[in-house]
Amino acid sequence: MTSINRHGLGQLIAGDVILTPVAGPAGPPGPKGDPGPVGPANNFPAMWSGPGSPPEFIPGAKPGDSWLDTVTGDIYELR
């Protein structure tokens, strides 16, 4: 009887034969993940707009961007 020893390199050695695992075919795609955070399109300040003063959070906004109140025409600098 030939003994089989498991080694740390993902190979089986049986006597003078080395068995190396071969990857099988790829499985089906998994479920779609959540979208990542909105990244900046560039490093220039952006102008956001809407009725009233700026909301507490604007997805994708960064300090230095501006908010245009479309009711009054006031412009706010976001910090």
N, C-alpha and C. Protein backbone atom coordinates (compact mmCIF):
# COMPACT_ATOMS: atom_id res chain seq x y z
N MET A 1 0.84 -1.17 0.00
CA MET A 1 0.00 0.00 0.00
C MET A 1 0.88 1.24 0.00
N THR A 2 0.52 2.23 -0.83
CA THR A 2 1.30 3.47 -0.92
C THR A 2 0.67 4.52 0.00
N SER A 3 1.49 5.16 0.81
CA SER A 3 0.95 6.19 1.70
C SER A 3 0.92 7.53 0.97
N ILE A 4 -0.06 8.34 1.30
CA ILE A 4 -0.21 9.67 0.69
C ILE A 4 0.01 10.69 1.80
N ASN A 5 0.95 11.59 1.57
CA ASN A 5 1.26 12.63 2.55
C ASN A 5 0.80 13.99 2.01
N ARG A 6 0.13 14.74 2.83
CA ARG A 6 -0.34 16.08 2.45
C ARG A 6 0.74 17.07 2.79
N HIS A 7 1.12 17.92 1.83
CA HIS A 7 2.13 18.95 2.06
C HIS A 7 1.49 20.33 1.95
N GLY A 8 2.13 21.34 2.49
CA GLY A 8 1.55 22.68 2.56
C GLY A 8 1.46 23.42 1.25
N LEU A 9 1.83 22.84 0.14
CA LEU A 9 1.80 23.57 -1.13
C LEU A 9 0.60 23.21 -1.99
N GLY A 10 -0.40 22.58 -1.43
CA GLY A 10 -1.57 22.21 -2.20
C GLY A 10 -1.33 21.02 -3.10
N GLN A 11 -0.36 20.16 -2.76
CA GLN A 11 -0.04 19.00 -3.58
C GLN A 11 -0.11 17.74 -2.71
N LEU A 12 -0.45 16.65 -3.37
CA LEU A 12 -0.39 15.34 -2.71
C LEU A 12 0.77 14.57 -3.33
N ILE A 13 1.56 13.94 -2.50
CA ILE A 13 2.67 13.12 -3.01
C ILE A 13 2.36 11.68 -2.65
N ALA A 14 2.28 10.82 -3.67
CA ALA A 14 2.02 9.39 -3.48
C ALA A 14 3.16 8.64 -4.15
N GLY A 15 4.13 8.20 -3.37
CA GLY A 15 5.28 7.53 -3.95
C GLY A 15 6.07 8.52 -4.80
N ASP A 16 6.23 8.22 -6.10
CA ASP A 16 6.96 9.10 -7.02
C ASP A 16 6.02 10.00 -7.82
N VAL A 17 4.74 10.00 -7.54
CA VAL A 17 3.75 10.79 -8.30
C VAL A 17 3.34 12.01 -7.48
N ILE A 18 3.36 13.18 -8.10
CA ILE A 18 2.90 14.41 -7.44
C ILE A 18 1.58 14.80 -8.08
N LEU A 19 0.55 14.89 -7.27
CA LEU A 19 -0.77 15.29 -7.75
C LEU A 19 -0.98 16.75 -7.39
N THR A 20 -1.21 17.58 -8.41
CA THR A 20 -1.43 19.00 -8.20
C THR A 20 -2.87 19.32 -8.55
N PRO A 21 -3.62 19.98 -7.65
CA PRO A 21 -5.01 20.30 -7.97
C PRO A 21 -5.11 21.28 -9.14
N VAL A 22 -6.11 21.07 -9.96
CA VAL A 22 -6.36 21.95 -11.10
C VAL A 22 -7.71 22.62 -10.86
N ALA A 23 -7.77 23.91 -11.11
CA ALA A 23 -9.01 24.65 -10.90
C ALA A 23 -10.08 24.17 -11.86
N GLY A 24 -11.28 24.03 -11.36
CA GLY A 24 -12.42 23.64 -12.19
C GLY A 24 -12.99 24.86 -12.90
N PRO A 25 -14.09 24.67 -13.59
CA PRO A 25 -14.71 25.79 -14.29
C PRO A 25 -15.26 26.81 -13.29
N ALA A 26 -15.38 28.03 -13.73
CA ALA A 26 -15.90 29.10 -12.87
C ALA A 26 -17.37 28.84 -12.56
N GLY A 27 -17.79 29.19 -11.39
CA GLY A 27 -19.19 29.04 -11.00
C GLY A 27 -20.03 30.18 -11.54
N PRO A 28 -21.31 30.15 -11.27
CA PRO A 28 -22.18 31.22 -11.76
C PRO A 28 -21.88 32.52 -11.01
N PRO A 29 -22.20 33.66 -11.62
CA PRO A 29 -21.96 34.95 -10.95
C PRO A 29 -22.79 35.04 -9.67
N GLY A 30 -22.25 35.72 -8.69
CA GLY A 30 -22.96 35.93 -7.43
C GLY A 30 -23.95 37.08 -7.56
N PRO A 31 -24.65 37.38 -6.48
CA PRO A 31 -25.62 38.47 -6.52
C PRO A 31 -24.92 39.82 -6.65
N LYS A 32 -25.61 40.79 -7.22
CA LYS A 32 -25.07 42.14 -7.40
C LYS A 32 -24.89 42.78 -6.03
N GLY A 33 -23.75 43.39 -5.82
CA GLY A 33 -23.45 44.05 -4.55
C GLY A 33 -24.03 45.45 -4.48
N ASP A 34 -23.93 46.05 -3.31
CA ASP A 34 -24.39 47.42 -3.12
C ASP A 34 -23.49 48.37 -3.87
N PRO A 35 -24.03 49.49 -4.38
CA PRO A 35 -23.17 50.47 -5.06
C PRO A 35 -22.21 51.12 -4.07
N GLY A 36 -21.07 51.48 -4.56
CA GLY A 36 -20.07 52.15 -3.73
C GLY A 36 -20.42 53.62 -3.55
N PRO A 37 -19.64 54.32 -2.75
CA PRO A 37 -19.91 55.75 -2.53
C PRO A 37 -19.65 56.55 -3.80
N VAL A 38 -20.34 57.66 -3.90
CA VAL A 38 -20.17 58.55 -5.05
C VAL A 38 -18.79 59.17 -4.97
N GLY A 39 -18.02 59.06 -6.01
CA GLY A 39 -16.68 59.64 -6.06
C GLY A 39 -16.69 60.97 -6.79
N PRO A 40 -15.66 61.76 -6.59
CA PRO A 40 -15.61 63.05 -7.26
C PRO A 40 -15.36 62.88 -8.76
N ALA A 41 -16.06 63.67 -9.56
CA ALA A 41 -15.86 63.64 -11.01
C ALA A 41 -14.56 64.38 -11.35
N ASN A 42 -14.21 65.36 -10.55
CA ASN A 42 -12.98 66.12 -10.74
C ASN A 42 -12.66 66.85 -9.44
N ASN A 43 -11.63 67.65 -9.45
CA ASN A 43 -11.24 68.38 -8.24
C ASN A 43 -11.79 69.80 -8.20
N PHE A 44 -12.60 70.17 -9.19
CA PHE A 44 -13.16 71.52 -9.23
C PHE A 44 -14.40 71.60 -8.34
N PRO A 45 -14.68 72.78 -7.78
CA PRO A 45 -15.90 72.92 -6.98
C PRO A 45 -17.14 72.68 -7.86
N ALA A 46 -18.14 72.07 -7.27
CA ALA A 46 -19.39 71.80 -7.98
C ALA A 46 -20.46 72.77 -7.51
N MET A 47 -21.44 73.01 -8.37
CA MET A 47 -22.59 73.86 -8.01
C MET A 47 -23.80 72.95 -7.89
N TRP A 48 -24.39 72.89 -6.71
CA TRP A 48 -25.59 72.12 -6.44
C TRP A 48 -26.75 73.10 -6.35
N SER A 49 -27.95 72.68 -6.60
CA SER A 49 -29.07 73.61 -6.54
C SER A 49 -30.35 72.91 -6.10
N GLY A 50 -31.26 73.73 -5.61
CA GLY A 50 -32.57 73.24 -5.19
C GLY A 50 -33.30 74.35 -4.45
N PRO A 51 -34.57 74.13 -4.18
CA PRO A 51 -35.33 75.17 -3.47
C PRO A 51 -34.94 75.24 -1.99
N GLY A 52 -34.68 76.43 -1.50
CA GLY A 52 -34.34 76.62 -0.10
C GLY A 52 -32.85 76.51 0.19
N SER A 53 -32.54 76.53 1.48
CA SER A 53 -31.14 76.42 1.90
C SER A 53 -30.65 75.00 1.67
N PRO A 54 -29.33 74.80 1.66
CA PRO A 54 -28.81 73.46 1.38
C PRO A 54 -29.22 72.45 2.45
N PRO A 55 -29.46 71.20 2.04
CA PRO A 55 -29.78 70.17 3.03
C PRO A 55 -28.54 69.82 3.86
N GLU A 56 -28.74 69.10 4.95
CA GLU A 56 -27.63 68.69 5.82
C GLU A 56 -26.61 67.83 5.10
N PHE A 57 -27.08 66.95 4.19
CA PHE A 57 -26.19 66.04 3.49
C PHE A 57 -26.53 66.04 2.01
N ILE A 58 -25.50 66.21 1.17
CA ILE A 58 -25.65 66.13 -0.29
C ILE A 58 -24.68 65.04 -0.75
N PRO A 59 -25.19 63.90 -1.24
CA PRO A 59 -24.29 62.82 -1.67
C PRO A 59 -23.32 63.31 -2.76
N GLY A 60 -22.03 63.15 -2.53
CA GLY A 60 -21.02 63.55 -3.49
C GLY A 60 -20.49 64.95 -3.31
N ALA A 61 -21.14 65.76 -2.45
CA ALA A 61 -20.67 67.13 -2.23
C ALA A 61 -19.42 67.11 -1.36
N LYS A 62 -18.59 68.14 -1.56
CA LYS A 62 -17.37 68.25 -0.78
C LYS A 62 -17.17 69.71 -0.37
N PRO A 63 -16.36 69.97 0.65
CA PRO A 63 -16.12 71.35 1.06
C PRO A 63 -15.63 72.19 -0.13
N GLY A 64 -16.17 73.40 -0.22
CA GLY A 64 -15.81 74.29 -1.33
C GLY A 64 -16.84 74.29 -2.44
N ASP A 65 -17.73 73.30 -2.46
CA ASP A 65 -18.82 73.30 -3.44
C ASP A 65 -19.80 74.41 -3.07
N SER A 66 -20.70 74.73 -3.98
CA SER A 66 -21.69 75.78 -3.75
C SER A 66 -23.09 75.22 -3.87
N TRP A 67 -24.03 75.90 -3.22
CA TRP A 67 -25.46 75.56 -3.29
C TRP A 67 -26.20 76.80 -3.76
N LEU A 68 -27.00 76.67 -4.82
CA LEU A 68 -27.84 77.76 -5.32
C LEU A 68 -29.26 77.51 -4.88
N ASP A 69 -29.81 78.44 -4.08
CA ASP A 69 -31.22 78.38 -3.70
C ASP A 69 -32.02 78.86 -4.91
N THR A 70 -32.77 77.98 -5.53
CA THR A 70 -33.47 78.31 -6.78
C THR A 70 -34.70 79.19 -6.54
N VAL A 71 -35.08 79.42 -5.27
CA VAL A 71 -36.21 80.29 -4.97
C VAL A 71 -35.74 81.74 -4.82
N THR A 72 -34.66 81.94 -4.04
CA THR A 72 -34.19 83.30 -3.74
C THR A 72 -33.00 83.73 -4.59
N GLY A 73 -32.26 82.77 -5.14
CA GLY A 73 -31.04 83.09 -5.88
C GLY A 73 -29.82 83.20 -4.99
N ASP A 74 -30.00 82.96 -3.68
CA ASP A 74 -28.86 83.01 -2.76
C ASP A 74 -27.91 81.86 -3.05
N ILE A 75 -26.60 82.11 -2.88
CA ILE A 75 -25.58 81.10 -3.08
C ILE A 75 -24.88 80.85 -1.75
N TYR A 76 -24.75 79.59 -1.40
CA TYR A 76 -24.09 79.18 -0.16
C TYR A 76 -22.82 78.42 -0.52
N GLU A 77 -21.77 78.63 0.29
CA GLU A 77 -20.56 77.83 0.14
C GLU A 77 -20.65 76.67 1.13
N LEU A 78 -20.49 75.45 0.62
CA LEU A 78 -20.58 74.26 1.48
C LEU A 78 -19.26 74.05 2.21
N ARG A 79 -19.34 73.67 3.47
CA ARG A 79 -18.14 73.45 4.30
C ARG A 79 -18.11 72.05 4.81
